Amino acid sequence: MFILTEAAKTELQNRLQNSYQLIRLQMRKSCFMKAKLTFENAMQANDEIITLDELQFIIDKAECHYFRSKTLDFIPDTTGFKQFEVI
């Protein structure tokens, strides 16, 4: 489905808490190619689950096309704002 960079994998593992098992991956509606990630315990009826490097992502089936053949990367910028991008 998509590739996870080492930087993104490391940041997600650092943020993932034991109480959450799933990472919801969404595109930010206000800024194309920026990804929004939230941590959840359950998936919804319209979600697809994708496992990469022992991390479980859930993506709404209507948004899966945004991530096909793309790379999810973590890029801290110079102002201290950290973001995930789909490149």
N, C-alpha and C. Protein backbone atom coordinates (compact mmCIF):
# COMPACT_ATOMS: atom_id res chain seq x y z
N MET A 1 0.83 -1.20 0.00
CA MET A 1 0.00 0.00 0.00
C MET A 1 0.86 1.24 0.00
N PHE A 2 1.68 1.48 1.07
CA PHE A 2 2.58 2.63 1.11
C PHE A 2 3.86 2.22 1.84
N ILE A 3 4.87 3.05 1.72
CA ILE A 3 6.16 2.79 2.34
C ILE A 3 6.29 3.69 3.57
N LEU A 4 6.88 3.17 4.60
CA LEU A 4 7.10 3.90 5.84
C LEU A 4 8.60 4.15 5.98
N THR A 5 9.02 5.42 6.04
CA THR A 5 10.44 5.70 6.21
C THR A 5 10.88 5.37 7.63
N GLU A 6 12.16 5.23 7.81
CA GLU A 6 12.70 4.92 9.13
C GLU A 6 12.39 6.05 10.12
N ALA A 7 12.45 7.31 9.65
CA ALA A 7 12.15 8.46 10.51
C ALA A 7 10.70 8.41 10.98
N ALA A 8 9.77 8.08 10.07
CA ALA A 8 8.35 8.00 10.43
C ALA A 8 8.12 6.83 11.38
N LYS A 9 8.74 5.71 11.11
CA LYS A 9 8.58 4.53 11.98
C LYS A 9 9.05 4.84 13.40
N THR A 10 10.22 5.45 13.52
CA THR A 10 10.77 5.78 14.83
C THR A 10 9.87 6.75 15.58
N GLU A 11 9.39 7.79 14.90
CA GLU A 11 8.52 8.78 15.55
C GLU A 11 7.20 8.14 15.99
N LEU A 12 6.63 7.29 15.16
CA LEU A 12 5.38 6.62 15.52
C LEU A 12 5.58 5.70 16.72
N GLN A 13 6.66 4.96 16.73
CA GLN A 13 6.93 4.08 17.87
C GLN A 13 7.12 4.89 19.15
N ASN A 14 7.72 6.07 19.05
CA ASN A 14 7.90 6.93 20.21
C ASN A 14 6.56 7.48 20.71
N ARG A 15 5.65 7.74 19.80
CA ARG A 15 4.35 8.32 20.18
C ARG A 15 3.31 7.29 20.58
N LEU A 16 3.46 6.08 20.08
CA LEU A 16 2.47 5.03 20.33
C LEU A 16 2.52 4.62 21.80
N GLN A 17 1.36 4.68 22.45
CA GLN A 17 1.25 4.30 23.85
C GLN A 17 0.67 2.90 23.93
N ASN A 18 0.96 2.22 24.99
CA ASN A 18 0.50 0.84 25.15
C ASN A 18 -1.02 0.71 25.12
N SER A 19 -1.74 1.74 25.49
CA SER A 19 -3.20 1.64 25.54
C SER A 19 -3.83 1.72 24.15
N TYR A 20 -3.06 2.15 23.15
CA TYR A 20 -3.58 2.24 21.79
C TYR A 20 -2.85 1.23 20.91
N GLN A 21 -3.60 0.61 20.02
CA GLN A 21 -3.00 -0.40 19.15
C GLN A 21 -3.01 0.01 17.68
N LEU A 22 -3.89 0.94 17.32
CA LEU A 22 -4.06 1.30 15.91
C LEU A 22 -3.70 2.75 15.66
N ILE A 23 -3.15 3.01 14.48
CA ILE A 23 -2.80 4.37 14.07
C ILE A 23 -3.72 4.76 12.92
N ARG A 24 -4.60 5.72 13.16
CA ARG A 24 -5.48 6.19 12.08
C ARG A 24 -4.71 7.17 11.22
N LEU A 25 -4.70 6.92 9.93
CA LEU A 25 -3.99 7.74 8.98
C LEU A 25 -4.99 8.45 8.08
N GLN A 26 -4.96 9.77 8.08
CA GLN A 26 -5.88 10.58 7.27
C GLN A 26 -5.09 11.68 6.57
N MET A 27 -5.63 12.14 5.45
CA MET A 27 -5.04 13.31 4.80
C MET A 27 -5.64 14.55 5.44
N ARG A 28 -4.81 15.56 5.68
CA ARG A 28 -5.31 16.83 6.20
C ARG A 28 -6.10 17.51 5.10
N LYS A 29 -7.31 17.90 5.40
CA LYS A 29 -8.17 18.52 4.39
C LYS A 29 -7.68 19.91 4.00
N SER A 30 -6.99 20.59 4.91
CA SER A 30 -6.55 21.96 4.65
C SER A 30 -5.21 22.04 3.93
N CYS A 31 -4.46 20.95 3.91
CA CYS A 31 -3.12 21.01 3.34
C CYS A 31 -2.79 19.67 2.70
N PHE A 32 -2.92 19.58 1.40
CA PHE A 32 -2.70 18.35 0.67
C PHE A 32 -1.28 17.84 0.88
N MET A 33 -1.15 16.57 1.02
CA MET A 33 0.09 15.83 1.22
C MET A 33 0.57 15.85 2.67
N LYS A 34 -0.12 16.52 3.56
CA LYS A 34 0.19 16.46 4.98
C LYS A 34 -0.74 15.41 5.59
N ALA A 35 -0.18 14.54 6.40
CA ALA A 35 -0.98 13.47 6.99
C ALA A 35 -1.31 13.79 8.44
N LYS A 36 -2.50 13.38 8.84
CA LYS A 36 -2.94 13.50 10.22
C LYS A 36 -2.97 12.09 10.79
N LEU A 37 -2.31 11.89 11.93
CA LEU A 37 -2.28 10.60 12.57
C LEU A 37 -2.87 10.71 13.96
N THR A 38 -3.75 9.79 14.29
CA THR A 38 -4.31 9.70 15.63
C THR A 38 -4.20 8.24 16.07
N PHE A 39 -4.20 8.03 17.37
CA PHE A 39 -4.08 6.68 17.91
C PHE A 39 -5.43 6.25 18.45
N GLU A 40 -5.85 5.03 18.12
CA GLU A 40 -7.18 4.54 18.48
C GLU A 40 -7.10 3.08 18.91
N ASN A 41 -8.19 2.64 19.52
CA ASN A 41 -8.28 1.25 19.96
C ASN A 41 -9.14 0.38 19.07
N ALA A 42 -9.97 0.97 18.23
CA ALA A 42 -10.89 0.19 17.41
C ALA A 42 -11.01 0.81 16.03
N MET A 43 -11.33 -0.02 15.07
CA MET A 43 -11.54 0.48 13.72
C MET A 43 -13.04 0.65 13.46
N GLN A 44 -13.38 1.43 12.46
CA GLN A 44 -14.76 1.67 12.08
C GLN A 44 -15.15 0.72 10.94
N ALA A 45 -16.42 0.66 10.62
CA ALA A 45 -16.93 -0.26 9.61
C ALA A 45 -16.32 -0.02 8.23
N ASN A 46 -16.00 1.21 7.90
CA ASN A 46 -15.49 1.54 6.57
C ASN A 46 -13.96 1.61 6.52
N ASP A 47 -13.27 1.09 7.53
CA ASP A 47 -11.81 1.17 7.59
C ASP A 47 -11.15 -0.05 6.98
N GLU A 48 -9.96 0.18 6.47
CA GLU A 48 -9.09 -0.90 6.02
C GLU A 48 -7.88 -0.90 6.95
N ILE A 49 -7.42 -2.08 7.35
CA ILE A 49 -6.26 -2.17 8.23
C ILE A 49 -5.04 -2.58 7.42
N ILE A 50 -3.93 -1.90 7.66
CA ILE A 50 -2.68 -2.17 6.96
C ILE A 50 -1.59 -2.31 8.01
N THR A 51 -0.82 -3.39 7.94
CA THR A 51 0.27 -3.61 8.88
C THR A 51 1.60 -3.43 8.16
N LEU A 52 2.41 -2.51 8.70
CA LEU A 52 3.75 -2.25 8.16
C LEU A 52 4.73 -2.20 9.32
N ASP A 53 5.80 -2.94 9.24
CA ASP A 53 6.84 -2.92 10.27
C ASP A 53 6.27 -3.04 11.68
N GLU A 54 5.34 -3.96 11.85
CA GLU A 54 4.70 -4.25 13.13
C GLU A 54 3.81 -3.11 13.65
N LEU A 55 3.55 -2.11 12.83
CA LEU A 55 2.61 -1.04 13.18
C LEU A 55 1.33 -1.27 12.41
N GLN A 56 0.18 -1.08 13.08
CA GLN A 56 -1.10 -1.29 12.44
C GLN A 56 -1.77 0.06 12.16
N PHE A 57 -2.00 0.31 10.88
CA PHE A 57 -2.64 1.54 10.44
C PHE A 57 -4.07 1.24 10.04
N ILE A 58 -4.98 2.19 10.32
CA ILE A 58 -6.33 2.09 9.79
C ILE A 58 -6.58 3.32 8.92
N ILE A 59 -7.16 3.07 7.76
CA ILE A 59 -7.44 4.13 6.79
C ILE A 59 -8.87 3.93 6.30
N ASP A 60 -9.62 5.02 6.24
CA ASP A 60 -10.96 4.95 5.67
C ASP A 60 -10.83 4.51 4.21
N LYS A 61 -11.64 3.55 3.80
CA LYS A 61 -11.54 3.01 2.44
C LYS A 61 -11.69 4.09 1.38
N ALA A 62 -12.41 5.16 1.67
CA ALA A 62 -12.58 6.25 0.70
C ALA A 62 -11.30 7.07 0.55
N GLU A 63 -10.36 6.95 1.49
CA GLU A 63 -9.11 7.72 1.43
C GLU A 63 -7.89 6.86 1.08
N CYS A 64 -8.07 5.57 0.90
CA CYS A 64 -6.93 4.69 0.63
C CYS A 64 -6.15 5.10 -0.61
N HIS A 65 -6.83 5.63 -1.61
CA HIS A 65 -6.14 6.00 -2.86
C HIS A 65 -5.10 7.09 -2.64
N TYR A 66 -5.23 7.90 -1.60
CA TYR A 66 -4.23 8.94 -1.31
C TYR A 66 -2.88 8.34 -0.94
N PHE A 67 -2.86 7.12 -0.45
CA PHE A 67 -1.65 6.53 0.10
C PHE A 67 -1.01 5.46 -0.78
N ARG A 68 -1.70 5.03 -1.83
CA ARG A 68 -1.17 3.97 -2.70
C ARG A 68 0.12 4.41 -3.37
N SER A 69 1.12 3.56 -3.26
CA SER A 69 2.43 3.78 -3.90
C SER A 69 3.10 5.08 -3.45
N LYS A 70 2.80 5.52 -2.24
CA LYS A 70 3.41 6.73 -1.68
C LYS A 70 4.31 6.35 -0.52
N THR A 71 5.00 7.34 0.01
CA THR A 71 5.87 7.15 1.16
C THR A 71 5.41 8.06 2.29
N LEU A 72 5.26 7.51 3.47
CA LEU A 72 4.92 8.29 4.66
C LEU A 72 6.23 8.63 5.36
N ASP A 73 6.50 9.93 5.50
CA ASP A 73 7.75 10.38 6.09
C ASP A 73 7.46 11.33 7.25
N PHE A 74 8.39 11.41 8.17
CA PHE A 74 8.31 12.34 9.29
C PHE A 74 9.36 13.40 9.07
N ILE A 75 8.94 14.67 9.04
CA ILE A 75 9.86 15.76 8.75
C ILE A 75 9.70 16.86 9.79
N PRO A 76 10.64 16.96 10.73
CA PRO A 76 10.59 18.09 11.66
C PRO A 76 11.09 19.33 10.92
N ASP A 77 10.36 20.42 11.00
CA ASP A 77 10.83 21.61 10.28
C ASP A 77 11.60 22.53 11.20
N THR A 78 12.11 23.62 10.68
CA THR A 78 13.01 24.49 11.43
C THR A 78 12.32 25.30 12.51
N THR A 79 10.99 25.42 12.48
CA THR A 79 10.28 26.20 13.50
C THR A 79 9.85 25.34 14.68
N GLY A 80 10.16 24.04 14.63
CA GLY A 80 9.79 23.15 15.72
C GLY A 80 8.48 22.42 15.48
N PHE A 81 7.79 22.75 14.40
CA PHE A 81 6.56 22.04 14.06
C PHE A 81 6.94 20.72 13.40
N LYS A 82 6.44 19.64 13.91
CA LYS A 82 6.77 18.33 13.34
C LYS A 82 5.57 17.82 12.57
N GLN A 83 5.84 17.24 11.41
CA GLN A 83 4.73 16.81 10.58
C GLN A 83 5.04 15.51 9.85
N PHE A 84 3.98 14.84 9.51
CA PHE A 84 4.07 13.65 8.66
C PHE A 84 3.62 14.06 7.27
N GLU A 85 4.36 13.63 6.27
CA GLU A 85 4.02 13.97 4.89
C GLU A 85 3.92 12.72 4.06
N VAL A 86 3.05 12.78 3.08
CA VAL A 86 2.91 11.70 2.10
C VAL A 86 3.59 12.18 0.84
N ILE A 87 4.69 11.52 0.49
CA ILE A 87 5.45 11.97 -0.68
C ILE A 87 5.54 10.87 -1.72
